[in-house]
C-alpha atoms as a PDB file:
ATOM      1  CA  MET A   1       0.000   0.000   0.000  1.00  0.00           C
ATOM      2  CA  LYS A   2       1.173   3.505  -0.819  1.00  0.00           C
ATOM      3  CA  VAL A   3       0.191   6.145   1.746  1.00  0.00           C
ATOM      4  CA  LEU A   4       0.425   9.937   1.811  1.00  0.00           C
ATOM      5  CA  VAL A   5       0.580  11.406   5.324  1.00  0.00           C
ATOM      6  CA  ILE A   6      -0.558  15.053   5.393  1.00  0.00           C
ATOM      7  CA  GLU A   7       0.483  16.264   8.833  1.00  0.00           C
ATOM      8  CA  ASP A   8       2.269  19.467   9.898  1.00  0.00           C
ATOM      9  CA  SER A   9       3.592  18.090  13.184  1.00  0.00           C
ATOM     10  CA  LYS A  10       7.060  16.767  12.404  1.00  0.00           C
ATOM     11  CA  GLU A  11       6.969  14.490  15.450  1.00  0.00           C
ATOM     12  CA  ILE A  12       3.647  12.877  14.530  1.00  0.00           C
ATOM     13  CA  ALA A  13       4.560  12.660  10.845  1.00  0.00           C
ATOM     14  CA  SER A  14       7.883  10.998  11.646  1.00  0.00           C
ATOM     15  CA  SER A  15       6.202   8.526  13.991  1.00  0.00           C
ATOM     16  CA  LEU A  16       3.601   7.611  11.357  1.00  0.00           C
ATOM     17  CA  HIS A  17       6.239   7.311   8.636  1.00  0.00           C
ATOM     18  CA  ASP A  18       8.459   5.018  10.711  1.00  0.00           C
ATOM     19  CA  PHE A  19       5.544   2.826  11.796  1.00  0.00           C
ATOM     20  CA  LEU A  20       4.112   2.431   8.296  1.00  0.00           C
ATOM     21  CA  ALA A  21       7.569   1.777   6.829  1.00  0.00           C
ATOM     22  CA  ARG A  22       8.079  -1.021   9.370  1.00  0.00           C
ATOM     23  CA  GLU A  23       4.776  -2.495   8.210  1.00  0.00           C
ATOM     24  CA  GLY A  24       6.129  -2.541   4.668  1.00  0.00           C
ATOM     25  CA  TYR A  25       4.197   0.400   3.213  1.00  0.00           C
ATOM     26  CA  ILE A  26       5.498   3.122   0.935  1.00  0.00           C
ATOM     27  CA  CYS A  27       4.918   6.304   2.921  1.00  0.00           C
ATOM     28  CA  GLU A  28       5.263   9.881   1.646  1.00  0.00           C
ATOM     29  CA  LEU A  29       4.927  13.026   3.777  1.00  0.00           C
ATOM     30  CA  ALA A  30       3.435  16.466   3.166  1.00  0.00           C
ATOM     31  CA  GLU A  31       3.551  19.166   5.822  1.00  0.00           C
ATOM     32  CA  THR A  32       1.449  21.863   4.146  1.00  0.00           C
ATOM     33  CA  PHE A  33      -1.717  22.297   2.110  1.00  0.00           C
ATOM     34  CA  ASP A  34       0.225  23.381  -0.976  1.00  0.00           C
ATOM     35  CA  GLU A  35       2.763  20.554  -0.735  1.00  0.00           C
ATOM     36  CA  ALA A  36      -0.042  18.007  -0.362  1.00  0.00           C
ATOM     37  CA  ARG A  37      -1.971  19.400  -3.333  1.00  0.00           C
ATOM     38  CA  THR A  38       1.159  19.247  -5.487  1.00  0.00           C
ATOM     39  CA  LYS A  39       1.847  15.626  -4.556  1.00  0.00           C
ATOM     40  CA  LEU A  40      -1.771  14.644  -5.145  1.00  0.00           C
ATOM     41  CA  SER A  41      -1.657  16.252  -8.586  1.00  0.00           C
ATOM     42  CA  LEU A  42       1.517  14.391  -9.583  1.00  0.00           C
ATOM     43  CA  PHE A  43       1.299  10.992  -7.896  1.00  0.00           C
ATOM     44  CA  THR A  44      -1.249   8.342  -6.926  1.00  0.00           C
ATOM     45  CA  TYR A  45      -1.810   6.899  -3.461  1.00  0.00           C
ATOM     46  CA  ASP A  46      -3.892   4.048  -2.100  1.00  0.00           C
ATOM     47  CA  CYS A  47      -4.716   5.917   1.108  1.00  0.00           C
ATOM     48  CA  ILE A  48      -4.321   9.421   2.508  1.00  0.00           C
ATOM     49  CA  LEU A  49      -3.961  10.323   6.184  1.00  0.00           C
ATOM     50  CA  LEU A  50      -5.342  13.845   6.372  1.00  0.00           C
ATOM     51  CA  ASP A  51      -4.872  16.187   9.308  1.00  0.00           C
ATOM     52  CA  ILE A  52      -7.547  18.891   9.425  1.00  0.00           C
ATOM     53  CA  MET A  53      -5.371  21.684  10.785  1.00  0.00           C
ATOM     54  CA  LEU A  54      -2.613  22.689   8.361  1.00  0.00           C
ATOM     55  CA  PRO A  55      -0.475  25.841   8.581  1.00  0.00           C
ATOM     56  CA  ASP A  56      -1.576  27.220   5.194  1.00  0.00           C
ATOM     57  CA  GLY A  57      -5.068  25.822   4.781  1.00  0.00           C
ATOM     58  CA  ASN A  58      -7.850  23.593   6.047  1.00  0.00           C
ATOM     59  CA  GLY A  59      -7.730  19.847   5.473  1.00  0.00           C
ATOM     60  CA  LEU A  60     -11.438  19.824   4.624  1.00  0.00           C
ATOM     61  CA  GLU A  61     -10.755  22.118   1.668  1.00  0.00           C
ATOM     62  CA  LEU A  62      -8.050  19.696   0.562  1.00  0.00           C
ATOM     63  CA  LEU A  63     -10.588  16.873   0.841  1.00  0.00           C
ATOM     64  CA  LYS A  64     -12.933  18.828  -1.462  1.00  0.00           C
ATOM     65  CA  PHE A  65     -10.044  19.153  -3.926  1.00  0.00           C
ATOM     66  CA  ILE A  66      -9.405  15.382  -3.737  1.00  0.00           C
ATOM     67  CA  ARG A  67     -13.006  14.540  -4.558  1.00  0.00           C
ATOM     68  CA  ALA A  68     -13.406  17.310  -7.166  1.00  0.00           C
ATOM     69  CA  GLU A  69     -10.365  15.941  -9.020  1.00  0.00           C
ATOM     70  CA  ASN A  70     -11.822  12.423  -8.799  1.00  0.00           C
ATOM     71  CA  ILE A  71      -8.770  11.155  -6.917  1.00  0.00           C
ATOM     72  CA  GLN A  72      -9.696   7.608  -5.917  1.00  0.00           C
ATOM     73  CA  SER A  73      -7.513   7.337  -2.813  1.00  0.00           C
ATOM     74  CA  GLY A  74      -9.100   6.316   0.459  1.00  0.00           C
ATOM     75  CA  VAL A  75      -9.060   9.153   3.006  1.00  0.00           C
ATOM     76  CA  LEU A  76      -8.644   8.745   6.761  1.00  0.00           C
ATOM     77  CA  ILE A  77      -9.117  12.035   8.631  1.00  0.00           C
ATOM     78  CA  ILE A  78      -6.942  12.714  11.668  1.00  0.00           C
ATOM     79  CA  SER A  79      -9.019  14.957  13.932  1.00  0.00           C
ATOM     80  CA  ALA A  80      -8.742  16.674  17.283  1.00  0.00           C
ATOM     81  CA  LYS A  81     -10.592  15.112  20.201  1.00  0.00           C
ATOM     82  CA  ASP A  82     -13.332  17.751  20.350  1.00  0.00           C
ATOM     83  CA  ALA A  83     -13.718  18.389  16.600  1.00  0.00           C
ATOM     84  CA  LEU A  84     -17.072  16.638  16.095  1.00  0.00           C
ATOM     85  CA  ASP A  85     -18.225  19.091  13.418  1.00  0.00           C
ATOM     86  CA  ASP A  86     -15.056  18.478  11.397  1.00  0.00           C
ATOM     87  CA  LYS A  87     -15.569  14.709  11.564  1.00  0.00           C
ATOM     88  CA  VAL A  88     -19.175  14.947  10.395  1.00  0.00           C
ATOM     89  CA  THR A  89     -18.341  17.423   7.623  1.00  0.00           C
ATOM     90  CA  GLY A  90     -15.387  15.312   6.501  1.00  0.00           C
ATOM     91  CA  LEU A  91     -17.502  12.175   6.191  1.00  0.00           C
ATOM     92  CA  GLU A  92     -20.220  14.079   4.339  1.00  0.00           C
ATOM     93  CA  ILE A  93     -17.829  15.443   1.699  1.00  0.00           C
ATOM     94  CA  GLY A  94     -16.070  12.175   1.011  1.00  0.00           C
ATOM     95  CA  ALA A  95     -13.766  10.919   3.777  1.00  0.00           C
ATOM     96  CA  ASP A  96     -13.842   7.164   4.327  1.00  0.00           C
ATOM     97  CA  ASP A  97     -13.174   7.190   8.072  1.00  0.00           C
ATOM     98  CA  TYR A  98     -11.665   9.275  10.850  1.00  0.00           C
ATOM     99  CA  ILE A  99      -9.449   8.696  13.858  1.00  0.00           C
ATOM    100  CA  THR A 100      -9.155  10.993  16.869  1.00  0.00           C
ATOM    101  CA  LYS A 101      -5.910  12.203  18.452  1.00  0.00           C
ATOM    102  CA  PRO A 102      -4.334  10.721  20.448  1.00  0.00           C
ATOM    103  CA  PHE A 103      -4.568   7.302  18.820  1.00  0.00           C
ATOM    104  CA  HIS A 104      -2.782   3.980  18.938  1.00  0.00           C
ATOM    105  CA  LEU A 105      -0.775   3.113  15.837  1.00  0.00           C
ATOM    106  CA  PRO A 106      -2.171  -0.453  15.569  1.00  0.00           C
ATOM    107  CA  GLU A 107      -5.708   1.028  15.454  1.00  0.00           C
ATOM    108  CA  LEU A 108      -4.685   3.418  12.700  1.00  0.00           C
ATOM    109  CA  HIS A 109      -3.129   0.495  10.830  1.00  0.00           C
ATOM    110  CA  ALA A 110      -6.357  -1.511  11.110  1.00  0.00           C
ATOM    111  CA  ARG A 111      -8.442   1.413   9.833  1.00  0.00           C
ATOM    112  CA  LEU A 112      -6.093   1.928   6.866  1.00  0.00           C
ATOM    113  CA  ARG A 113      -6.325  -1.749   5.933  1.00  0.00           C
ATOM    114  CA  ALA A 114     -10.121  -1.659   6.221  1.00  0.00           C
ATOM    115  CA  ILE A 115     -10.298   1.375   3.903  1.00  0.00           C
ATOM    116  CA  TYR A 116      -7.998  -0.307   1.399  1.00  0.00           C
ATOM    117  CA  ARG A 117     -10.105  -3.478   1.391  1.00  0.00           C
ATOM    118  CA  ARG A 118     -13.297  -1.479   0.832  1.00  0.00           C
ATOM    119  CA  LYS A 119     -11.849   0.763  -1.882  1.00  0.00           C
ATOM    120  CA  GLN A 120      -9.667  -1.664  -3.808  1.00  0.00           C
ATOM    121  CA  LEU A 121     -10.696  -5.224  -2.918  1.00  0.00           C
ATOM    122  CA  SER A 122     -14.496  -5.015  -2.543  1.00  0.00           C
ATOM    123  CA  GLY A 123     -14.206  -5.429   1.206  1.00  0.00           C
ATOM    124  CA  SER A 124     -12.273  -8.696   1.160  1.00  0.00           C
ATOM    125  CA  SER A 125      -8.723  -9.567   2.185  1.00  0.00           C
ATOM    126  CA  MET A 126      -8.696 -12.157  -0.614  1.00  0.00           C
ATOM    127  CA  ILE A 127      -8.431 -11.348  -4.283  1.00  0.00           C
ATOM    128  CA  SER A 128      -8.568 -14.050  -6.913  1.00  0.00           C
ATOM    129  CA  PHE A 129      -8.312 -14.259 -10.658  1.00  0.00           C
ATOM    130  CA  ASN A 130      -8.669 -17.654 -12.294  1.00  0.00           C
ATOM    131  CA  GLU A 131      -5.930 -19.854 -10.807  1.00  0.00           C
ATOM    132  CA  ILE A 132      -4.226 -17.006  -8.898  1.00  0.00           C
ATOM    133  CA  SER A 133      -5.219 -16.114  -5.326  1.00  0.00           C
ATOM    134  CA  LEU A 134      -3.741 -13.403  -3.106  1.00  0.00           C
ATOM    135  CA  ASN A 135      -4.240 -13.002   0.640  1.00  0.00           C
ATOM    136  CA  THR A 136      -3.533  -9.401   1.619  1.00  0.00           C
ATOM    137  CA  ASP A 137      -3.504 -10.266   5.325  1.00  0.00           C
ATOM    138  CA  THR A 138      -0.831 -12.968   5.117  1.00  0.00           C
ATOM    139  CA  LEU A 139       0.860 -11.653   1.923  1.00  0.00           C
ATOM    140  CA  GLU A 140       0.628 -15.133   0.447  1.00  0.00           C
ATOM    141  CA  ALA A 141       0.084 -15.857  -3.248  1.00  0.00           C
ATOM    142  CA  THR A 142      -0.995 -19.200  -4.655  1.00  0.00           C
ATOM    143  CA  VAL A 143      -1.249 -20.452  -8.229  1.00  0.00           C
ATOM    144  CA  ASN A 144      -3.240 -23.655  -8.757  1.00  0.00           C
ATOM    145  CA  ASP A 145      -3.141 -24.072  -4.950  1.00  0.00           C
ATOM    146  CA  THR A 146       0.658 -23.956  -5.023  1.00  0.00           C
ATOM    147  CA  LEU A 147       2.143 -21.422  -2.624  1.00  0.00           C
ATOM    148  CA  LEU A 148       4.564 -19.141  -4.437  1.00  0.00           C
ATOM    149  CA  GLU A 149       7.875 -18.192  -2.870  1.00  0.00           C
ATOM    150  CA  ILE A 150       7.765 -14.486  -3.663  1.00  0.00           C
ATOM    151  CA  THR A 151       9.120 -11.364  -2.030  1.00  0.00           C
ATOM    152  CA  ARG A 152       6.866  -8.678  -0.594  1.00  0.00           C
ATOM    153  CA  LYS A 153       7.613  -6.432  -3.583  1.00  0.00           C
ATOM    154  CA  GLU A 154       6.651  -9.227  -5.961  1.00  0.00           C
ATOM    155  CA  PHE A 155       3.412  -9.749  -4.021  1.00  0.00           C
ATOM    156  CA  GLU A 156       2.589  -6.041  -4.174  1.00  0.00           C
ATOM    157  CA  LEU A 157       3.442  -5.989  -7.877  1.00  0.00           C
ATOM    158  CA  LEU A 158       1.136  -8.910  -8.637  1.00  0.00           C
ATOM    159  CA  LEU A 159      -1.652  -7.326  -6.591  1.00  0.00           C
ATOM    160  CA  TYR A 160      -1.190  -4.010  -8.422  1.00  0.00           C
ATOM    161  CA  LEU A 161      -1.330  -5.749 -11.788  1.00  0.00           C
ATOM    162  CA  ILE A 162      -4.454  -7.755 -10.969  1.00  0.00           C
ATOM    163  CA  VAL A 163      -6.333  -4.804  -9.468  1.00  0.00           C
ATOM    164  CA  ASN A 164      -5.545  -2.889 -12.664  1.00  0.00           C
ATOM    165  CA  LYS A 165      -6.032  -5.796 -15.082  1.00  0.00           C
ATOM    166  CA  ASN A 166      -6.332  -4.939 -18.780  1.00  0.00           C
ATOM    167  CA  ARG A 167      -4.845  -1.498 -18.136  1.00  0.00           C
ATOM    168  CA  VAL A 168      -1.428  -0.542 -19.477  1.00  0.00           C
ATOM    169  CA  LEU A 169       0.807   0.433 -16.558  1.00  0.00           C
ATOM    170  CA  SER A 170       3.965   2.365 -17.321  1.00  0.00           C
ATOM    171  CA  ARG A 171       7.255   1.295 -15.790  1.00  0.00           C
ATOM    172  CA  GLN A 172       7.333   4.614 -13.954  1.00  0.00           C
ATOM    173  CA  SER A 173       3.855   4.171 -12.458  1.00  0.00           C
ATOM    174  CA  ILE A 174       4.808   0.683 -11.250  1.00  0.00           C
ATOM    175  CA  ALA A 175       8.051   2.000  -9.776  1.00  0.00           C
ATOM    176  CA  THR A 176       6.418   4.880  -7.919  1.00  0.00           C
ATOM    177  CA  HIS A 177       3.628   2.630  -6.623  1.00  0.00           C
ATOM    178  CA  LEU A 178       6.088   0.136  -5.167  1.00  0.00           C
ATOM    179  CA  TRP A 179       9.099   2.259  -4.247  1.00  0.00           C
ATOM    180  CA  GLY A 180       7.855   5.803  -3.736  1.00  0.00           C
ATOM    181  CA  ASP A 181       7.949   9.154  -5.449  1.00  0.00           C
ATOM    182  CA  TYR A 182      11.747   9.474  -5.356  1.00  0.00           C
ATOM    183  CA  THR A 183      11.879   7.129  -8.368  1.00  0.00           C
ATOM    184  CA  ASP A 184      10.573  10.034 -10.476  1.00  0.00           C
ATOM    185  CA  ASN A 185      14.173  11.245 -10.774  1.00  0.00           C
ATOM    186  CA  LEU A 186      15.750   7.931 -11.792  1.00  0.00           C
ATOM    187  CA  ALA A 187      17.319   7.595 -15.231  1.00  0.00           C
ATOM    188  CA  ASN A 188      15.720   4.208 -15.921  1.00  0.00           C
ATOM    189  CA  PHE A 189      13.450   1.586 -14.421  1.00  0.00           C
ATOM    190  CA  ASP A 190      15.357  -1.587 -15.271  1.00  0.00           C
ATOM    191  CA  PHE A 191      14.601  -2.984 -11.815  1.00  0.00           C
ATOM    192  CA  VAL A 192      10.896  -3.119 -12.765  1.00  0.00           C
ATOM    193  CA  TYR A 193      11.749  -5.411 -15.671  1.00  0.00           C
ATOM    194  CA  GLN A 194      13.664  -7.708 -13.328  1.00  0.00           C
ATOM    195  CA  HIS A 195      10.758  -7.957 -10.888  1.00  0.00           C
ATOM    196  CA  ILE A 196       8.332  -8.633 -13.752  1.00  0.00           C
ATOM    197  CA  LYS A 197      10.673 -11.322 -15.115  1.00  0.00           C
ATOM    198  CA  ASN A 198      10.972 -13.037 -11.718  1.00  0.00           C
ATOM    199  CA  LEU A 199       7.220 -12.935 -11.151  1.00  0.00           C
ATOM    200  CA  ARG A 200       6.405 -14.409 -14.567  1.00  0.00           C
ATOM    201  CA  LYS A 201       8.944 -17.189 -14.010  1.00  0.00           C
ATOM    202  CA  LYS A 202       7.450 -18.151 -10.637  1.00  0.00           C
ATOM    203  CA  ILE A 203       3.866 -18.140 -11.930  1.00  0.00           C
ATOM    204  CA  SER A 204       4.897 -20.265 -14.908  1.00  0.00           C
ATOM    205  CA  ALA A 205       6.667 -22.758 -12.633  1.00  0.00           C
ATOM    206  CA  ALA A 206       3.320 -23.308 -10.868  1.00  0.00           C
ATOM    207  CA  ASN A 207       1.639 -23.932 -14.249  1.00  0.00           C
ATOM    208  CA  GLY A 208      -0.094 -20.568 -14.265  1.00  0.00           C
ATOM    209  CA  ALA A 209      -0.995 -18.696 -17.436  1.00  0.00           C
ATOM    210  CA  ASP A 210       1.303 -15.945 -18.673  1.00  0.00           C
ATOM    211  CA  TYR A 211      -1.027 -13.009 -18.014  1.00  0.00           C
ATOM    212  CA  ILE A 212       1.673 -10.340 -17.826  1.00  0.00           C
ATOM    213  CA  ALA A 213       2.151  -8.837 -21.253  1.00  0.00           C
ATOM    214  CA  THR A 214       4.861  -6.396 -22.272  1.00  0.00           C
ATOM    215  CA  VAL A 215       3.494  -3.363 -24.103  1.00  0.00           C
ATOM    216  CA  TYR A 216       6.577  -2.204 -25.964  1.00  0.00           C
ATOM    217  CA  GLY A 217       7.501   1.403 -25.415  1.00  0.00           C
ATOM    218  CA  LEU A 218       4.848   1.819 -22.722  1.00  0.00           C
ATOM    219  CA  GLY A 219       5.026  -0.731 -19.932  1.00  0.00           C
ATOM    220  CA  TYR A 220       3.082  -3.823 -18.880  1.00  0.00           C
ATOM    221  CA  LYS A 221      -0.471  -5.099 -18.781  1.00  0.00           C
ATOM    222  CA  PHE A 222      -2.151  -7.927 -16.891  1.00  0.00           C
ATOM    223  CA  ASN A 223      -3.987  -9.525 -19.804  1.00  0.00           C
ATOM    224  CA  ALA A 224      -7.157 -11.074 -18.371  1.00  0.00           C
ATOM    225  CA  SER A 225      -7.908 -12.895 -21.630  1.00  0.00           C
ATOM    226  CA  ALA A 226      -4.716 -14.972 -21.557  1.00  0.00           C
ATOM    227  CA  ALA A 227      -5.399 -18.711 -21.727  1.00  0.00           C
ATOM    228  CA  VAL A 228      -4.775 -20.919 -18.715  1.00  0.00           C
ATOM    229  CA  LYS A 229      -2.325 -23.730 -19.401  1.00  0.00           C
END
């Protein structure tokens, strides 16, 4: 999961970043309204942690921008203890959930996962396509009931491909989804090719169909019409 934390408190932002990184997520930070709007215009995120009080604007206005631009990220509002009106308004204009300061990090983690399941996986921790099954709770992937020995990055890559099946995904979009926005400045994305190659090899070894197609000059596509072996 790729998460954008919009929080002006450096201490809280650092704590959230470190916790989410330990859980294996790609986590980006934005301290201001303008910085957050810029990132949201340039990059995509699975979930957004949105603090209401920002030094140069109101988080609710940023939420309106998110929905007006049809940004499909899940939004978890971080609110002050006594800010009932903000919670209600946030939910009415498109937030998916809220959490009140102070909060426990495991609770925040659970709420993020719940939002992701609702937004991306139709509410389930399991996602299946033909002979391929992924468990987002255990990070296990099976092909024809054979458990694949794959890395976390390979699991996230396969999940990203299946969720976006039949869509052409550029090498850059795959890189930024799995490794963060800093990849925008890299000269090439050869490491994406290597991960794709490894994943195809492991699926083939379990007698799975070769769904991952190379779209020359553009990127890759999970071809849902590929024939099962």
